[in-house]
Amino acid sequence: MSKPTDYELYEQICNKDKAALETLYNRYEKLLYSFAYRMMKDQQAAEEVMQDVFIKLWRGKGAGQYMKERGKFSSWLLTITRNASIDLIRKKKVQEVDWDQRDSMNEEMPGVEEVVTNKEERDQLRKAIDTLPDEQQRMICLFYFQGLSQREIAERCDIPLGTVKGRVRLALKKLREHLDEKGGTTDE
């Protein structure tokens, strides 16, 4: 018997299947936690975000919005995680980290590498991001890991909003292609 796809599990969750939620949780908990931790720089806050994402999924808040034809389930789930992280950052008024401080922060605080036990996924994502040109890496870090809006990035970097949107879109396309080549997740 083949394991169910993310979409099949999602449909079962919409019908209040607890076993499907548990399976999906086990499949994505490490990825979502590491993603939230990277944004929050706080273990407890990352756990809170991850729990919030799965509660929203169970209660149907946001769960009814996933459309298979619009993209991968994992991308949709990461977007929900990103938005929940941004909401919590704003709520707690967490200080944002400057781009230039990124490397020193990784030395002072436990990095994602210490939190995520799934080394293969972590390495694939890091390698994929490293393949991007510097300006695209910066856009991804500011947008996904620091939670800035595209307008805030444009103001901070003193570049047009259209340039920011183009760089983010191009970076995401390159990341998706790179991860697909390396055998991404089981989305269908």
N, C-alpha and C. Protein backbone atom coordinates (compact mmCIF):
# COMPACT_ATOMS: atom_id res chain seq x y z
N MET A 1 0.85 -1.19 0.00
CA MET A 1 0.00 0.00 0.00
C MET A 1 0.89 1.24 0.00
N SER A 2 0.67 2.12 -0.93
CA SER A 2 1.49 3.34 -1.01
C SER A 2 1.03 4.35 0.04
N LYS A 3 1.99 5.16 0.46
CA LYS A 3 1.63 6.15 1.47
C LYS A 3 0.80 7.26 0.83
N PRO A 4 -0.14 7.83 1.58
CA PRO A 4 -1.02 8.84 1.01
C PRO A 4 -0.26 10.12 0.67
N THR A 5 -0.72 10.79 -0.38
CA THR A 5 -0.12 12.06 -0.76
C THR A 5 -0.55 13.13 0.24
N ASP A 6 0.14 14.25 0.20
CA ASP A 6 -0.22 15.37 1.07
C ASP A 6 -1.66 15.79 0.82
N TYR A 7 -2.06 15.84 -0.44
CA TYR A 7 -3.40 16.28 -0.79
C TYR A 7 -4.46 15.31 -0.26
N GLU A 8 -4.18 14.02 -0.36
CA GLU A 8 -5.13 13.03 0.18
C GLU A 8 -5.28 13.20 1.69
N LEU A 9 -4.15 13.43 2.36
CA LEU A 9 -4.21 13.66 3.81
C LEU A 9 -4.98 14.93 4.12
N TYR A 10 -4.73 15.96 3.34
CA TYR A 10 -5.41 17.23 3.52
C TYR A 10 -6.93 17.07 3.40
N GLU A 11 -7.36 16.34 2.39
CA GLU A 11 -8.80 16.10 2.22
C GLU A 11 -9.38 15.34 3.41
N GLN A 12 -8.62 14.38 3.94
CA GLN A 12 -9.08 13.62 5.11
C GLN A 12 -9.17 14.51 6.34
N ILE A 13 -8.22 15.45 6.47
CA ILE A 13 -8.24 16.39 7.60
C ILE A 13 -9.47 17.27 7.51
N CYS A 14 -9.81 17.70 6.30
CA CYS A 14 -11.02 18.51 6.10
C CYS A 14 -12.27 17.76 6.57
N ASN A 15 -12.19 16.43 6.55
CA ASN A 15 -13.29 15.59 7.04
C ASN A 15 -13.06 15.13 8.47
N LYS A 16 -12.16 15.83 9.18
CA LYS A 16 -11.88 15.62 10.62
C LYS A 16 -11.29 14.25 10.93
N ASP A 17 -10.38 13.79 10.09
CA ASP A 17 -9.68 12.53 10.31
C ASP A 17 -8.41 12.82 11.13
N LYS A 18 -8.43 12.44 12.41
CA LYS A 18 -7.30 12.72 13.31
C LYS A 18 -6.03 11.97 12.90
N ALA A 19 -6.18 10.77 12.38
CA ALA A 19 -5.01 10.00 11.96
C ALA A 19 -4.31 10.69 10.79
N ALA A 20 -5.08 11.30 9.90
CA ALA A 20 -4.49 12.02 8.76
C ALA A 20 -3.72 13.24 9.27
N LEU A 21 -4.28 13.93 10.26
CA LEU A 21 -3.58 15.08 10.83
C LEU A 21 -2.27 14.65 11.48
N GLU A 22 -2.30 13.54 12.18
CA GLU A 22 -1.09 13.02 12.83
C GLU A 22 -0.03 12.65 11.78
N THR A 23 -0.46 12.03 10.71
CA THR A 23 0.48 11.65 9.64
C THR A 23 1.10 12.89 9.00
N LEU A 24 0.27 13.89 8.72
CA LEU A 24 0.77 15.12 8.11
C LEU A 24 1.68 15.86 9.09
N TYR A 25 1.32 15.83 10.36
CA TYR A 25 2.16 16.46 11.39
C TYR A 25 3.54 15.80 11.41
N ASN A 26 3.57 14.49 11.43
CA ASN A 26 4.85 13.76 11.44
C ASN A 26 5.66 14.03 10.18
N ARG A 27 4.99 14.24 9.08
CA ARG A 27 5.66 14.49 7.81
C ARG A 27 6.29 15.89 7.77
N TYR A 28 5.66 16.87 8.40
CA TYR A 28 6.10 18.26 8.25
C TYR A 28 6.56 18.97 9.52
N GLU A 29 6.46 18.33 10.67
CA GLU A 29 6.80 19.04 11.90
C GLU A 29 8.22 19.59 11.91
N LYS A 30 9.19 18.84 11.45
CA LYS A 30 10.59 19.29 11.48
C LYS A 30 10.81 20.45 10.53
N LEU A 31 10.26 20.36 9.33
CA LEU A 31 10.41 21.43 8.35
C LEU A 31 9.76 22.72 8.84
N LEU A 32 8.52 22.63 9.32
CA LEU A 32 7.82 23.83 9.78
C LEU A 32 8.47 24.43 11.02
N TYR A 33 8.90 23.56 11.92
CA TYR A 33 9.56 24.05 13.12
C TYR A 33 10.86 24.79 12.75
N SER A 34 11.66 24.20 11.90
CA SER A 34 12.94 24.83 11.54
C SER A 34 12.70 26.13 10.80
N PHE A 35 11.69 26.16 9.95
CA PHE A 35 11.35 27.38 9.22
C PHE A 35 10.92 28.48 10.20
N ALA A 36 10.03 28.14 11.13
CA ALA A 36 9.56 29.12 12.12
C ALA A 36 10.71 29.54 13.04
N TYR A 37 11.56 28.59 13.41
CA TYR A 37 12.68 28.92 14.30
C TYR A 37 13.65 29.89 13.62
N ARG A 38 13.85 29.68 12.34
CA ARG A 38 14.75 30.56 11.59
C ARG A 38 14.23 31.99 11.59
N MET A 39 12.91 32.15 11.54
CA MET A 39 12.32 33.48 11.57
C MET A 39 12.28 34.05 12.99
N MET A 40 11.94 33.22 13.95
CA MET A 40 11.68 33.69 15.31
C MET A 40 12.94 33.78 16.17
N LYS A 41 13.93 32.95 15.89
CA LYS A 41 15.14 32.85 16.72
C LYS A 41 14.79 32.51 18.17
N ASP A 42 13.70 31.77 18.34
CA ASP A 42 13.23 31.43 19.69
C ASP A 42 12.50 30.10 19.62
N GLN A 43 12.99 29.14 20.41
CA GLN A 43 12.45 27.78 20.37
C GLN A 43 10.97 27.75 20.75
N GLN A 44 10.62 28.40 21.84
CA GLN A 44 9.24 28.39 22.32
C GLN A 44 8.30 29.06 21.31
N ALA A 45 8.73 30.17 20.74
CA ALA A 45 7.91 30.87 19.75
C ALA A 45 7.73 30.01 18.50
N ALA A 46 8.78 29.32 18.08
CA ALA A 46 8.68 28.45 16.91
C ALA A 46 7.71 27.31 17.16
N GLU A 47 7.74 26.76 18.36
CA GLU A 47 6.80 25.70 18.72
C GLU A 47 5.37 26.23 18.72
N GLU A 48 5.20 27.45 19.22
CA GLU A 48 3.88 28.09 19.25
C GLU A 48 3.35 28.29 17.82
N VAL A 49 4.21 28.74 16.94
CA VAL A 49 3.82 28.95 15.54
C VAL A 49 3.42 27.62 14.90
N MET A 50 4.24 26.60 15.09
CA MET A 50 3.96 25.30 14.50
C MET A 50 2.62 24.75 15.01
N GLN A 51 2.38 24.88 16.30
CA GLN A 51 1.13 24.40 16.88
C GLN A 51 -0.05 25.19 16.29
N ASP A 52 0.12 26.50 16.14
CA ASP A 52 -0.92 27.34 15.57
C ASP A 52 -1.26 26.91 14.14
N VAL A 53 -0.24 26.58 13.37
CA VAL A 53 -0.45 26.16 11.98
C VAL A 53 -1.30 24.90 11.93
N PHE A 54 -0.97 23.92 12.76
CA PHE A 54 -1.72 22.66 12.72
C PHE A 54 -3.13 22.82 13.31
N ILE A 55 -3.30 23.71 14.28
CA ILE A 55 -4.64 23.98 14.80
C ILE A 55 -5.50 24.63 13.72
N LYS A 56 -4.91 25.60 13.00
CA LYS A 56 -5.65 26.23 11.89
C LYS A 56 -6.03 25.20 10.83
N LEU A 57 -5.10 24.32 10.54
CA LEU A 57 -5.37 23.27 9.55
C LEU A 57 -6.53 22.39 10.01
N TRP A 58 -6.53 22.00 11.28
CA TRP A 58 -7.57 21.14 11.83
C TRP A 58 -8.93 21.84 11.87
N ARG A 59 -8.92 23.10 12.29
CA ARG A 59 -10.18 23.85 12.43
C ARG A 59 -10.72 24.34 11.09
N GLY A 60 -9.90 24.24 10.05
CA GLY A 60 -10.36 24.67 8.74
C GLY A 60 -10.12 26.14 8.46
N LYS A 61 -9.45 26.83 9.39
CA LYS A 61 -9.12 28.24 9.16
C LYS A 61 -7.88 28.25 8.27
N GLY A 62 -8.09 28.53 7.03
CA GLY A 62 -6.99 28.48 6.08
C GLY A 62 -6.96 27.14 5.36
N ALA A 63 -7.48 26.11 6.01
CA ALA A 63 -7.43 24.78 5.41
C ALA A 63 -8.26 24.70 4.14
N GLY A 64 -9.38 25.41 4.10
CA GLY A 64 -10.23 25.38 2.93
C GLY A 64 -9.66 26.16 1.76
N GLN A 65 -8.55 26.83 1.98
CA GLN A 65 -7.99 27.68 0.96
C GLN A 65 -7.00 26.96 0.05
N TYR A 66 -6.54 25.79 0.43
CA TYR A 66 -5.55 25.12 -0.42
C TYR A 66 -6.20 24.61 -1.69
N MET A 67 -5.58 24.97 -2.82
CA MET A 67 -6.06 24.49 -4.11
C MET A 67 -4.90 23.79 -4.81
N LYS A 68 -5.09 22.55 -5.07
CA LYS A 68 -4.06 21.69 -5.64
C LYS A 68 -3.44 22.27 -6.91
N GLU A 69 -4.26 22.87 -7.75
CA GLU A 69 -3.76 23.38 -9.03
C GLU A 69 -2.91 24.64 -8.90
N ARG A 70 -2.90 25.27 -7.74
CA ARG A 70 -2.12 26.50 -7.55
C ARG A 70 -0.69 26.26 -7.09
N GLY A 71 -0.37 25.04 -6.71
CA GLY A 71 1.00 24.76 -6.30
C GLY A 71 1.08 23.63 -5.29
N LYS A 72 2.29 23.41 -4.84
CA LYS A 72 2.55 22.31 -3.91
C LYS A 72 1.95 22.57 -2.53
N PHE A 73 1.51 21.50 -1.91
CA PHE A 73 0.95 21.59 -0.57
C PHE A 73 2.00 22.10 0.41
N SER A 74 3.23 21.62 0.28
CA SER A 74 4.29 22.03 1.20
C SER A 74 4.54 23.53 1.11
N SER A 75 4.47 24.10 -0.09
CA SER A 75 4.65 25.55 -0.25
C SER A 75 3.53 26.30 0.44
N TRP A 76 2.32 25.81 0.30
CA TRP A 76 1.17 26.44 0.95
C TRP A 76 1.32 26.38 2.47
N LEU A 77 1.75 25.23 2.97
CA LEU A 77 1.95 25.06 4.41
C LEU A 77 3.06 25.98 4.93
N LEU A 78 4.12 26.14 4.16
CA LEU A 78 5.20 27.05 4.56
C LEU A 78 4.72 28.50 4.53
N THR A 79 3.84 28.84 3.62
CA THR A 79 3.29 30.19 3.59
C THR A 79 2.45 30.45 4.84
N ILE A 80 1.65 29.48 5.24
CA ILE A 80 0.86 29.62 6.48
C ILE A 80 1.81 29.78 7.67
N THR A 81 2.88 29.01 7.69
CA THR A 81 3.87 29.10 8.77
C THR A 81 4.54 30.47 8.77
N ARG A 82 4.90 30.95 7.60
CA ARG A 82 5.51 32.27 7.50
C ARG A 82 4.57 33.34 8.04
N ASN A 83 3.31 33.30 7.61
CA ASN A 83 2.34 34.30 8.06
C ASN A 83 2.10 34.23 9.56
N ALA A 84 2.02 33.02 10.10
CA ALA A 84 1.83 32.86 11.55
C ALA A 84 3.05 33.40 12.30
N SER A 85 4.24 33.19 11.76
CA SER A 85 5.46 33.71 12.38
C SER A 85 5.47 35.23 12.37
N ILE A 86 5.10 35.81 11.24
CA ILE A 86 5.06 37.27 11.14
C ILE A 86 4.05 37.83 12.12
N ASP A 87 2.89 37.19 12.22
CA ASP A 87 1.88 37.65 13.17
C ASP A 87 2.42 37.64 14.60
N LEU A 88 3.12 36.57 14.95
CA LEU A 88 3.67 36.47 16.31
C LEU A 88 4.80 37.48 16.52
N ILE A 89 5.62 37.68 15.51
CA ILE A 89 6.69 38.68 15.61
C ILE A 89 6.09 40.04 15.87
N ARG A 90 5.08 40.38 15.11
CA ARG A 90 4.43 41.69 15.29
C ARG A 90 3.77 41.78 16.65
N LYS A 91 3.17 40.69 17.06
CA LYS A 91 2.48 40.67 18.35
C LYS A 91 3.47 40.88 19.50
N LYS A 92 4.59 40.22 19.41
CA LYS A 92 5.59 40.30 20.48
C LYS A 92 6.60 41.41 20.25
N LYS A 93 6.49 42.07 19.09
CA LYS A 93 7.41 43.17 18.73
C LYS A 93 8.87 42.74 18.87
N VAL A 94 9.16 41.59 18.26
CA VAL A 94 10.52 41.06 18.28
C VAL A 94 11.40 41.93 17.40
N GLN A 95 12.60 42.24 17.87
CA GLN A 95 13.55 43.03 17.08
C GLN A 95 13.96 42.24 15.85
N GLU A 96 13.96 42.90 14.71
CA GLU A 96 14.42 42.22 13.51
C GLU A 96 15.94 42.25 13.43
N VAL A 97 16.49 41.27 12.77
CA VAL A 97 17.93 41.13 12.67
C VAL A 97 18.39 41.72 11.35
N ASP A 98 19.38 42.57 11.39
CA ASP A 98 19.92 43.15 10.16
C ASP A 98 20.62 42.07 9.36
N TRP A 99 20.60 42.23 8.05
CA TRP A 99 21.26 41.30 7.14
C TRP A 99 22.71 41.09 7.52
N ASP A 100 23.41 42.17 7.85
CA ASP A 100 24.84 42.08 8.17
C ASP A 100 25.11 41.31 9.46
N GLN A 101 24.13 41.22 10.33
CA GLN A 101 24.32 40.51 11.60
C GLN A 101 24.00 39.03 11.49
N ARG A 102 23.50 38.62 10.36
CA ARG A 102 23.02 37.24 10.20
C ARG A 102 24.06 36.20 10.60
N ASP A 103 25.28 36.35 10.12
CA ASP A 103 26.30 35.34 10.41
C ASP A 103 26.69 35.31 11.87
N SER A 104 26.83 36.47 12.51
CA SER A 104 27.20 36.49 13.92
C SER A 104 26.09 35.92 14.80
N MET A 105 24.84 36.12 14.39
CA MET A 105 23.72 35.58 15.16
C MET A 105 23.74 34.06 15.13
N ASN A 106 24.13 33.50 14.00
CA ASN A 106 24.18 32.05 13.89
C ASN A 106 25.22 31.46 14.83
N GLU A 107 26.26 32.21 15.15
CA GLU A 107 27.29 31.72 16.05
C GLU A 107 26.84 31.84 17.51
N GLU A 108 26.08 32.88 17.83
CA GLU A 108 25.67 33.12 19.21
C GLU A 108 24.48 32.28 19.64
N MET A 109 23.60 31.99 18.71
CA MET A 109 22.38 31.27 19.05
C MET A 109 22.41 29.89 18.38
N PRO A 110 21.69 28.95 18.95
CA PRO A 110 21.63 27.66 18.27
C PRO A 110 20.99 27.84 16.90
N GLY A 111 21.65 27.35 15.88
CA GLY A 111 21.15 27.52 14.52
C GLY A 111 20.12 26.47 14.18
N VAL A 112 19.55 26.64 13.02
CA VAL A 112 18.56 25.68 12.54
C VAL A 112 19.17 24.29 12.50
N GLU A 113 20.51 24.26 12.19
CA GLU A 113 21.19 22.97 12.09
C GLU A 113 21.08 22.15 13.38
N GLU A 114 21.06 22.83 14.52
CA GLU A 114 20.98 22.12 15.80
C GLU A 114 19.55 21.70 16.12
N VAL A 115 18.60 22.36 15.52
CA VAL A 115 17.21 22.09 15.84
C VAL A 115 16.63 21.01 14.93
N VAL A 116 16.97 21.07 13.67
CA VAL A 116 16.40 20.15 12.69
C VAL A 116 17.19 18.86 12.68
N THR A 117 16.50 17.77 12.83
CA THR A 117 17.19 16.48 12.80
C THR A 117 17.22 15.90 11.39
N ASN A 118 16.43 16.43 10.51
CA ASN A 118 16.41 15.91 9.16
C ASN A 118 17.46 16.63 8.33
N LYS A 119 18.69 16.16 8.42
CA LYS A 119 19.84 16.81 7.79
C LYS A 119 19.70 16.90 6.27
N GLU A 120 19.13 15.92 5.67
CA GLU A 120 19.03 15.90 4.21
C GLU A 120 18.20 17.08 3.69
N GLU A 121 17.02 17.33 4.28
CA GLU A 121 16.18 18.46 3.84
C GLU A 121 16.88 19.78 4.09
N ARG A 122 17.52 19.90 5.24
CA ARG A 122 18.21 21.14 5.60
C ARG A 122 19.34 21.43 4.61
N ASP A 123 20.11 20.40 4.29
CA ASP A 123 21.22 20.58 3.35
C ASP A 123 20.71 20.93 1.96
N GLN A 124 19.64 20.30 1.54
CA GLN A 124 19.08 20.60 0.22
C GLN A 124 18.64 22.05 0.14
N LEU A 125 17.96 22.54 1.17
CA LEU A 125 17.50 23.92 1.16
C LEU A 125 18.69 24.88 1.19
N ARG A 126 19.68 24.61 2.03
CA ARG A 126 20.85 25.48 2.12
C ARG A 126 21.59 25.53 0.77
N LYS A 127 21.78 24.36 0.15
CA LYS A 127 22.45 24.31 -1.14
C LYS A 127 21.65 25.06 -2.21
N ALA A 128 20.34 24.91 -2.16
CA ALA A 128 19.50 25.60 -3.13
C ALA A 128 19.61 27.11 -2.96
N ILE A 129 19.56 27.60 -1.74
CA ILE A 129 19.68 29.04 -1.49
C ILE A 129 21.06 29.53 -1.90
N ASP A 130 22.09 28.74 -1.65
CA ASP A 130 23.46 29.12 -2.01
C ASP A 130 23.66 29.25 -3.52
N THR A 131 22.79 28.61 -4.31
CA THR A 131 22.93 28.70 -5.77
C THR A 131 22.39 30.02 -6.32
N LEU A 132 21.64 30.74 -5.50
CA LEU A 132 21.05 32.00 -5.95
C LEU A 132 22.08 33.12 -5.97
N PRO A 133 21.91 34.07 -6.87
CA PRO A 133 22.76 35.27 -6.83
C PRO A 133 22.55 36.02 -5.51
N ASP A 134 23.53 36.79 -5.07
CA ASP A 134 23.48 37.47 -3.78
C ASP A 134 22.22 38.30 -3.59
N GLU A 135 21.82 39.05 -4.60
CA GLU A 135 20.64 39.92 -4.43
C GLU A 135 19.37 39.10 -4.23
N GLN A 136 19.29 37.91 -4.85
CA GLN A 136 18.12 37.05 -4.65
C GLN A 136 18.17 36.38 -3.28
N GLN A 137 19.37 35.98 -2.84
CA GLN A 137 19.51 35.41 -1.50
C GLN A 137 19.03 36.42 -0.46
N ARG A 138 19.43 37.67 -0.65
CA ARG A 138 19.05 38.72 0.29
C ARG A 138 17.53 38.90 0.32
N MET A 139 16.89 38.90 -0.84
CA MET A 139 15.44 39.05 -0.91
C MET A 139 14.75 37.90 -0.15
N ILE A 140 15.23 36.67 -0.38
CA ILE A 140 14.63 35.51 0.29
C ILE A 140 14.80 35.61 1.80
N CYS A 141 16.00 35.99 2.25
CA CYS A 141 16.24 36.11 3.69
C CYS A 141 15.37 37.20 4.31
N LEU A 142 15.28 38.33 3.67
CA LEU A 142 14.48 39.43 4.20
C LEU A 142 12.99 39.09 4.19
N PHE A 143 12.54 38.45 3.13
CA PHE A 143 11.13 38.15 2.97
C PHE A 143 10.69 36.97 3.84
N TYR A 144 11.39 35.85 3.75
CA TYR A 144 10.95 34.65 4.44
C TYR A 144 11.49 34.51 5.86
N PHE A 145 12.73 34.90 6.09
CA PHE A 145 13.31 34.65 7.40
C PHE A 145 13.21 35.85 8.34
N GLN A 146 13.09 37.05 7.80
CA GLN A 146 12.92 38.21 8.67
C GLN A 146 11.49 38.73 8.63
N GLY A 147 10.69 38.22 7.71
CA GLY A 147 9.27 38.55 7.69
C GLY A 147 8.92 39.93 7.16
N LEU A 148 9.82 40.54 6.41
CA LEU A 148 9.52 41.86 5.85
C LEU A 148 8.59 41.73 4.65
N SER A 149 7.72 42.72 4.47
CA SER A 149 6.88 42.73 3.28
C SER A 149 7.74 43.16 2.10
N GLN A 150 7.23 42.94 0.91
CA GLN A 150 7.99 43.34 -0.28
C GLN A 150 8.16 44.86 -0.30
N ARG A 151 7.17 45.61 0.15
CA ARG A 151 7.27 47.07 0.22
C ARG A 151 8.36 47.49 1.22
N GLU A 152 8.42 46.81 2.37
CA GLU A 152 9.46 47.12 3.37
C GLU A 152 10.85 46.82 2.83
N ILE A 153 10.96 45.73 2.07
CA ILE A 153 12.26 45.38 1.48
C ILE A 153 12.67 46.46 0.48
N ALA A 154 11.72 46.91 -0.35
CA ALA A 154 12.01 47.95 -1.33
C ALA A 154 12.52 49.21 -0.64
N GLU A 155 11.88 49.60 0.46
CA GLU A 155 12.29 50.80 1.20
C GLU A 155 13.66 50.60 1.83
N ARG A 156 13.86 49.46 2.46
CA ARG A 156 15.13 49.19 3.14
C ARG A 156 16.30 49.14 2.16
N CYS A 157 16.09 48.50 1.01
CA CYS A 157 17.16 48.33 0.04
C CYS A 157 17.23 49.48 -0.97
N ASP A 158 16.27 50.39 -0.88
CA ASP A 158 16.21 51.55 -1.78
C ASP A 158 16.19 51.11 -3.24
N ILE A 159 15.28 50.18 -3.54
CA ILE A 159 15.07 49.72 -4.91
C ILE A 159 13.57 49.72 -5.18
N PRO A 160 13.16 49.76 -6.45
CA PRO A 160 11.73 49.77 -6.78
C PRO A 160 11.02 48.49 -6.31
N LEU A 161 9.75 48.64 -5.95
CA LEU A 161 8.94 47.51 -5.50
C LEU A 161 8.88 46.42 -6.58
N GLY A 162 8.77 46.81 -7.83
CA GLY A 162 8.73 45.83 -8.93
C GLY A 162 10.00 45.00 -9.01
N THR A 163 11.14 45.61 -8.69
CA THR A 163 12.41 44.88 -8.68
C THR A 163 12.41 43.83 -7.57
N VAL A 164 11.90 44.22 -6.40
CA VAL A 164 11.81 43.27 -5.28
C VAL A 164 10.92 42.09 -5.67
N LYS A 165 9.75 42.40 -6.21
CA LYS A 165 8.81 41.33 -6.61
C LYS A 165 9.44 40.40 -7.64
N GLY A 166 10.13 40.99 -8.61
CA GLY A 166 10.78 40.18 -9.64
C GLY A 166 11.86 39.29 -9.08
N ARG A 167 12.67 39.83 -8.17
CA ARG A 167 13.76 39.03 -7.58
C ARG A 167 13.21 37.91 -6.72
N VAL A 168 12.17 38.19 -5.93
CA VAL A 168 11.58 37.15 -5.09
C VAL A 168 10.98 36.07 -5.97
N ARG A 169 10.23 36.48 -7.00
CA ARG A 169 9.60 35.51 -7.90
C ARG A 169 10.65 34.64 -8.60
N LEU A 170 11.71 35.27 -9.11
CA LEU A 170 12.77 34.54 -9.80
C LEU A 170 13.50 33.60 -8.83
N ALA A 171 13.78 34.09 -7.62
CA ALA A 171 14.46 33.27 -6.62
C ALA A 171 13.63 32.04 -6.26
N LEU A 172 12.33 32.24 -6.06
CA LEU A 172 11.46 31.11 -5.73
C LEU A 172 11.39 30.10 -6.87
N LYS A 173 11.37 30.60 -8.10
CA LYS A 173 11.35 29.71 -9.26
C LYS A 173 12.64 28.88 -9.30
N LYS A 174 13.78 29.55 -9.08
CA LYS A 174 15.06 28.83 -9.10
C LYS A 174 15.14 27.82 -7.96
N LEU A 175 14.67 28.20 -6.77
CA LEU A 175 14.68 27.27 -5.63
C LEU A 175 13.80 26.07 -5.93
N ARG A 176 12.62 26.31 -6.47
CA ARG A 176 11.69 25.22 -6.78
C ARG A 176 12.33 24.26 -7.79
N GLU A 177 12.95 24.83 -8.84
CA GLU A 177 13.60 23.99 -9.86
C GLU A 177 14.75 23.19 -9.26
N HIS A 178 15.55 23.84 -8.42
CA HIS A 178 16.69 23.16 -7.80
C HIS A 178 16.21 22.03 -6.89
N LEU A 179 15.20 22.29 -6.07
CA LEU A 179 14.70 21.27 -5.15
C LEU A 179 13.99 20.15 -5.90
N ASP A 180 13.29 20.49 -6.99
CA ASP A 180 12.64 19.44 -7.79
C ASP A 180 13.67 18.52 -8.42
N GLU A 181 14.80 19.09 -8.87
CA GLU A 181 15.89 18.27 -9.44
C GLU A 181 16.45 17.31 -8.40
N LYS A 182 16.50 17.75 -7.15
CA LYS A 182 17.09 16.95 -6.08
C LYS A 182 16.07 16.00 -5.45
N GLY A 183 14.85 16.01 -5.95
CA GLY A 183 13.83 15.09 -5.41
C GLY A 183 13.19 15.65 -4.18
N GLY A 184 12.34 16.65 -4.34
CA GLY A 184 11.67 17.34 -3.23
C GLY A 184 10.74 16.44 -2.45
N THR A 185 9.61 17.01 -1.98
CA THR A 185 8.68 16.30 -1.12
C THR A 185 7.67 15.52 -1.95
N THR A 186 6.79 14.83 -1.26
CA THR A 186 5.79 13.99 -1.91
C THR A 186 4.51 14.75 -2.10
N ASP A 187 4.52 15.83 -2.83
CA ASP A 187 3.31 16.60 -3.10
C ASP A 187 2.65 16.08 -4.37
N GLU A 188 1.35 16.04 -4.32
CA GLU A 188 0.57 15.71 -5.51
C GLU A 188 -0.76 16.34 -5.39
